[in-house]
Amino acid sequence: MEDTLTTEFCLRMGRAWATLSRRLDSALGSHHGISFADYQMLLQLQRAPGGRLRRVDLAEKMGLTASGVTRSLLPLEKIGLVDRQSDPRDARVGYAIITATGSELVTNATTVVDNVSRAMLGAPSRAQLEATSNLLAQLAGTGQ
């Protein structure tokens, strides 16, 4: 019985993620011209010290491969939302750095994400949100 409940939870979570992603992609695309994945990447960079992260660290935070991050950053670089930066001490290390334009966009886009999130979640209690958030962090292997 317990296995069935955990499987059902994971199936529902997958459906919920797909619905949430579609709605956020649509809202962010129409208002700011970026996807939800782009928003997440820009937000990670904005929150990072100095607005920069090693590409390998960004990949870990995003749950992507290093090459996946590189592919995802290319269009953001082309439109001036992120830049590349090399480590002067080690040419093999590359950083992604958010630009002022990228930081402004992610700040403005956060309003859209907040509005869609509230519309989808309704008004769960703080305890419900914290418990579910902790469970999702456990599932993601982050513990945060």
C-alpha atoms as a PDB file:
ATOM      1  CA  MET A   1       0.000   0.000   0.000  1.00  0.00           C
ATOM      2  CA  GLU A   2       2.823   2.409   0.915  1.00  0.00           C
ATOM      3  CA  ASP A   3       4.540   1.794  -2.448  1.00  0.00           C
ATOM      4  CA  THR A   4       1.324   2.657  -4.272  1.00  0.00           C
ATOM      5  CA  LEU A   5       1.029   5.956  -2.396  1.00  0.00           C
ATOM      6  CA  THR A   6       4.601   6.972  -3.135  1.00  0.00           C
ATOM      7  CA  THR A   7       4.208   6.028  -6.803  1.00  0.00           C
ATOM      8  CA  GLU A   8       0.950   7.968  -7.052  1.00  0.00           C
ATOM      9  CA  PHE A   9       2.598  10.975  -5.406  1.00  0.00           C
ATOM     10  CA  CYS A  10       5.422  10.891  -7.966  1.00  0.00           C
ATOM     11  CA  LEU A  11       2.962  10.544 -10.865  1.00  0.00           C
ATOM     12  CA  ARG A  12       0.911  13.485  -9.603  1.00  0.00           C
ATOM     13  CA  MET A  13       4.056  15.522  -9.053  1.00  0.00           C
ATOM     14  CA  GLY A  14       5.102  14.848 -12.647  1.00  0.00           C
ATOM     15  CA  ARG A  15       1.742  15.999 -13.969  1.00  0.00           C
ATOM     16  CA  ALA A  16       1.799  19.053 -11.700  1.00  0.00           C
ATOM     17  CA  TRP A  17       5.328  19.947 -12.883  1.00  0.00           C
ATOM     18  CA  ALA A  18       4.283  19.667 -16.533  1.00  0.00           C
ATOM     19  CA  THR A  19       1.264  21.922 -15.945  1.00  0.00           C
ATOM     20  CA  LEU A  20       3.258  24.443 -13.932  1.00  0.00           C
ATOM     21  CA  SER A  21       6.047  24.544 -16.510  1.00  0.00           C
ATOM     22  CA  ARG A  22       3.619  25.091 -19.398  1.00  0.00           C
ATOM     23  CA  ARG A  23       1.863  27.936 -17.611  1.00  0.00           C
ATOM     24  CA  LEU A  24       5.099  29.614 -16.558  1.00  0.00           C
ATOM     25  CA  ASP A  25       6.618  29.180 -20.034  1.00  0.00           C
ATOM     26  CA  SER A  26       3.544  30.792 -21.557  1.00  0.00           C
ATOM     27  CA  ALA A  27       3.391  33.707 -19.099  1.00  0.00           C
ATOM     28  CA  LEU A  28       7.135  34.404 -19.143  1.00  0.00           C
ATOM     29  CA  GLY A  29       7.298  34.028 -22.916  1.00  0.00           C
ATOM     30  CA  SER A  30       4.479  36.474 -23.559  1.00  0.00           C
ATOM     31  CA  HIS A  31       5.651  39.051 -20.997  1.00  0.00           C
ATOM     32  CA  HIS A  32       9.450  38.759 -21.131  1.00  0.00           C
ATOM     33  CA  GLY A  33      10.397  36.539 -24.080  1.00  0.00           C
ATOM     34  CA  ILE A  34      12.078  33.858 -21.962  1.00  0.00           C
ATOM     35  CA  SER A  35      11.182  30.341 -20.882  1.00  0.00           C
ATOM     36  CA  PHE A  36      10.792  29.128 -17.328  1.00  0.00           C
ATOM     37  CA  ALA A  37      14.101  27.245 -17.712  1.00  0.00           C
ATOM     38  CA  ASP A  38      15.773  30.517 -18.768  1.00  0.00           C
ATOM     39  CA  TYR A  39      14.242  32.247 -15.748  1.00  0.00           C
ATOM     40  CA  GLN A  40      15.544  29.566 -13.381  1.00  0.00           C
ATOM     41  CA  MET A  41      19.052  29.855 -14.808  1.00  0.00           C
ATOM     42  CA  LEU A  42      19.043  33.658 -14.610  1.00  0.00           C
ATOM     43  CA  LEU A  43      17.690  33.526 -11.053  1.00  0.00           C
ATOM     44  CA  GLN A  44      20.485  31.154  -9.960  1.00  0.00           C
ATOM     45  CA  LEU A  45      23.043  33.562 -11.416  1.00  0.00           C
ATOM     46  CA  GLN A  46      21.388  36.609  -9.864  1.00  0.00           C
ATOM     47  CA  ARG A  47      21.409  34.954  -6.425  1.00  0.00           C
ATOM     48  CA  ALA A  48      25.054  33.864  -6.729  1.00  0.00           C
ATOM     49  CA  PRO A  49      27.816  35.964  -5.129  1.00  0.00           C
ATOM     50  CA  GLY A  50      28.925  38.561  -7.668  1.00  0.00           C
ATOM     51  CA  GLY A  51      26.215  37.357 -10.070  1.00  0.00           C
ATOM     52  CA  ARG A  52      28.435  34.584 -11.376  1.00  0.00           C
ATOM     53  CA  LEU A  53      28.834  30.838 -11.096  1.00  0.00           C
ATOM     54  CA  ARG A  54      31.174  28.299 -12.566  1.00  0.00           C
ATOM     55  CA  ARG A  55      29.300  26.525 -15.326  1.00  0.00           C
ATOM     56  CA  VAL A  56      29.754  23.207 -13.535  1.00  0.00           C
ATOM     57  CA  ASP A  57      28.184  24.666 -10.357  1.00  0.00           C
ATOM     58  CA  LEU A  58      25.301  26.119 -12.344  1.00  0.00           C
ATOM     59  CA  ALA A  59      24.780  22.705 -13.923  1.00  0.00           C
ATOM     60  CA  GLU A  60      24.599  21.090 -10.492  1.00  0.00           C
ATOM     61  CA  LYS A  61      22.108  23.673  -9.201  1.00  0.00           C
ATOM     62  CA  MET A  62      19.945  23.250 -12.294  1.00  0.00           C
ATOM     63  CA  GLY A  63      20.131  19.453 -12.402  1.00  0.00           C
ATOM     64  CA  LEU A  64      21.717  19.577 -15.869  1.00  0.00           C
ATOM     65  CA  THR A  65      24.943  18.430 -17.425  1.00  0.00           C
ATOM     66  CA  ALA A  66      27.718  20.952 -18.049  1.00  0.00           C
ATOM     67  CA  SER A  67      27.078  20.701 -21.792  1.00  0.00           C
ATOM     68  CA  GLY A  68      23.338  21.202 -21.178  1.00  0.00           C
ATOM     69  CA  VAL A  69      24.107  24.423 -19.331  1.00  0.00           C
ATOM     70  CA  THR A  70      26.377  25.594 -22.131  1.00  0.00           C
ATOM     71  CA  ARG A  71      23.620  24.950 -24.701  1.00  0.00           C
ATOM     72  CA  SER A  72      21.056  26.731 -22.514  1.00  0.00           C
ATOM     73  CA  LEU A  73      23.288  29.751 -21.944  1.00  0.00           C
ATOM     74  CA  LEU A  74      24.084  30.361 -25.628  1.00  0.00           C
ATOM     75  CA  PRO A  75      20.774  32.048 -26.528  1.00  0.00           C
ATOM     76  CA  LEU A  76      20.906  34.069 -23.298  1.00  0.00           C
ATOM     77  CA  GLU A  77      24.405  35.238 -24.217  1.00  0.00           C
ATOM     78  CA  LYS A  78      23.266  36.204 -27.719  1.00  0.00           C
ATOM     79  CA  ILE A  79      20.552  38.498 -26.356  1.00  0.00           C
ATOM     80  CA  GLY A  80      22.827  40.036 -23.729  1.00  0.00           C
ATOM     81  CA  LEU A  81      21.393  38.521 -20.542  1.00  0.00           C
ATOM     82  CA  VAL A  82      24.542  36.606 -19.576  1.00  0.00           C
ATOM     83  CA  ASP A  83      28.238  36.763 -20.403  1.00  0.00           C
ATOM     84  CA  ARG A  84      31.099  34.294 -20.254  1.00  0.00           C
ATOM     85  CA  GLN A  85      34.081  34.871 -18.048  1.00  0.00           C
ATOM     86  CA  SER A  86      37.292  32.848 -17.881  1.00  0.00           C
ATOM     87  CA  ASP A  87      39.262  32.219 -14.750  1.00  0.00           C
ATOM     88  CA  PRO A  88      42.591  34.033 -15.199  1.00  0.00           C
ATOM     89  CA  ARG A  89      44.335  31.311 -13.156  1.00  0.00           C
ATOM     90  CA  ASP A  90      42.784  28.311 -14.928  1.00  0.00           C
ATOM     91  CA  ALA A  91      41.637  28.597 -18.548  1.00  0.00           C
ATOM     92  CA  ARG A  92      39.646  25.354 -18.203  1.00  0.00           C
ATOM     93  CA  VAL A  93      37.262  27.006 -15.727  1.00  0.00           C
ATOM     94  CA  GLY A  94      34.451  29.030 -17.239  1.00  0.00           C
ATOM     95  CA  TYR A  95      31.991  31.257 -15.444  1.00  0.00           C
ATOM     96  CA  ALA A  96      28.533  32.380 -16.430  1.00  0.00           C
ATOM     97  CA  ILE A  97      27.843  35.907 -15.262  1.00  0.00           C
ATOM     98  CA  ILE A  98      24.517  37.717 -15.323  1.00  0.00           C
ATOM     99  CA  THR A  99      24.498  41.120 -17.013  1.00  0.00           C
ATOM    100  CA  ALA A 100      22.698  44.195 -15.680  1.00  0.00           C
ATOM    101  CA  THR A 101      20.043  43.633 -18.353  1.00  0.00           C
ATOM    102  CA  GLY A 102      19.662  40.004 -17.302  1.00  0.00           C
ATOM    103  CA  SER A 103      19.372  40.959 -13.646  1.00  0.00           C
ATOM    104  CA  GLU A 104      16.714  43.563 -14.391  1.00  0.00           C
ATOM    105  CA  LEU A 105      14.766  41.087 -16.519  1.00  0.00           C
ATOM    106  CA  VAL A 106      14.804  38.360 -13.868  1.00  0.00           C
ATOM    107  CA  THR A 107      13.681  40.851 -11.210  1.00  0.00           C
ATOM    108  CA  ASN A 108      10.740  41.899 -13.389  1.00  0.00           C
ATOM    109  CA  ALA A 109       9.976  38.317 -14.409  1.00  0.00           C
ATOM    110  CA  THR A 110       9.764  37.280 -10.754  1.00  0.00           C
ATOM    111  CA  THR A 111       6.474  39.184 -10.510  1.00  0.00           C
ATOM    112  CA  VAL A 112       5.044  37.006 -13.300  1.00  0.00           C
ATOM    113  CA  VAL A 113       6.324  33.826 -11.617  1.00  0.00           C
ATOM    114  CA  ASP A 114       4.873  34.931  -8.271  1.00  0.00           C
ATOM    115  CA  ASN A 115       1.474  35.658  -9.850  1.00  0.00           C
ATOM    116  CA  VAL A 116       1.287  32.341 -11.719  1.00  0.00           C
ATOM    117  CA  SER A 117       2.457  30.457  -8.611  1.00  0.00           C
ATOM    118  CA  ARG A 118      -0.225  32.070  -6.433  1.00  0.00           C
ATOM    119  CA  ALA A 119      -2.920  31.454  -9.059  1.00  0.00           C
ATOM    120  CA  MET A 120      -1.994  27.777  -9.315  1.00  0.00           C
ATOM    121  CA  LEU A 121      -1.475  27.035  -5.621  1.00  0.00           C
ATOM    122  CA  GLY A 122      -4.352  29.010  -4.173  1.00  0.00           C
ATOM    123  CA  ALA A 123      -3.796  29.602  -0.493  1.00  0.00           C
ATOM    124  CA  PRO A 124      -2.124  26.602   1.139  1.00  0.00           C
ATOM    125  CA  SER A 125      -0.996  26.992   4.721  1.00  0.00           C
ATOM    126  CA  ARG A 126       2.609  27.817   5.504  1.00  0.00           C
ATOM    127  CA  ALA A 127       2.942  24.354   7.106  1.00  0.00           C
ATOM    128  CA  GLN A 128       1.694  22.651   3.909  1.00  0.00           C
ATOM    129  CA  LEU A 129       4.129  24.618   1.764  1.00  0.00           C
ATOM    130  CA  GLU A 130       7.067  23.934   4.075  1.00  0.00           C
ATOM    131  CA  ALA A 131       6.317  20.197   4.333  1.00  0.00           C
ATOM    132  CA  THR A 132       5.896  19.799   0.580  1.00  0.00           C
ATOM    133  CA  SER A 133       8.950  21.935  -0.117  1.00  0.00           C
ATOM    134  CA  ASN A 134      11.033  19.779   2.240  1.00  0.00           C
ATOM    135  CA  LEU A 135       9.771  16.614   0.563  1.00  0.00           C
ATOM    136  CA  LEU A 136      10.646  17.993  -2.889  1.00  0.00           C
ATOM    137  CA  ALA A 137      14.112  19.005  -1.681  1.00  0.00           C
ATOM    138  CA  GLN A 138      14.630  15.465  -0.382  1.00  0.00           C
ATOM    139  CA  LEU A 139      13.522  14.055  -3.715  1.00  0.00           C
ATOM    140  CA  ALA A 140      15.890  16.415  -5.570  1.00  0.00           C
ATOM    141  CA  GLY A 141      18.715  15.317  -3.298  1.00  0.00           C
ATOM    142  CA  THR A 142      19.429  18.851  -2.131  1.00  0.00           C
ATOM    143  CA  GLY A 143      18.086  18.684   1.392  1.00  0.00           C
ATOM    144  CA  GLN A 144      17.414  22.424   1.137  1.00  0.00           C
END
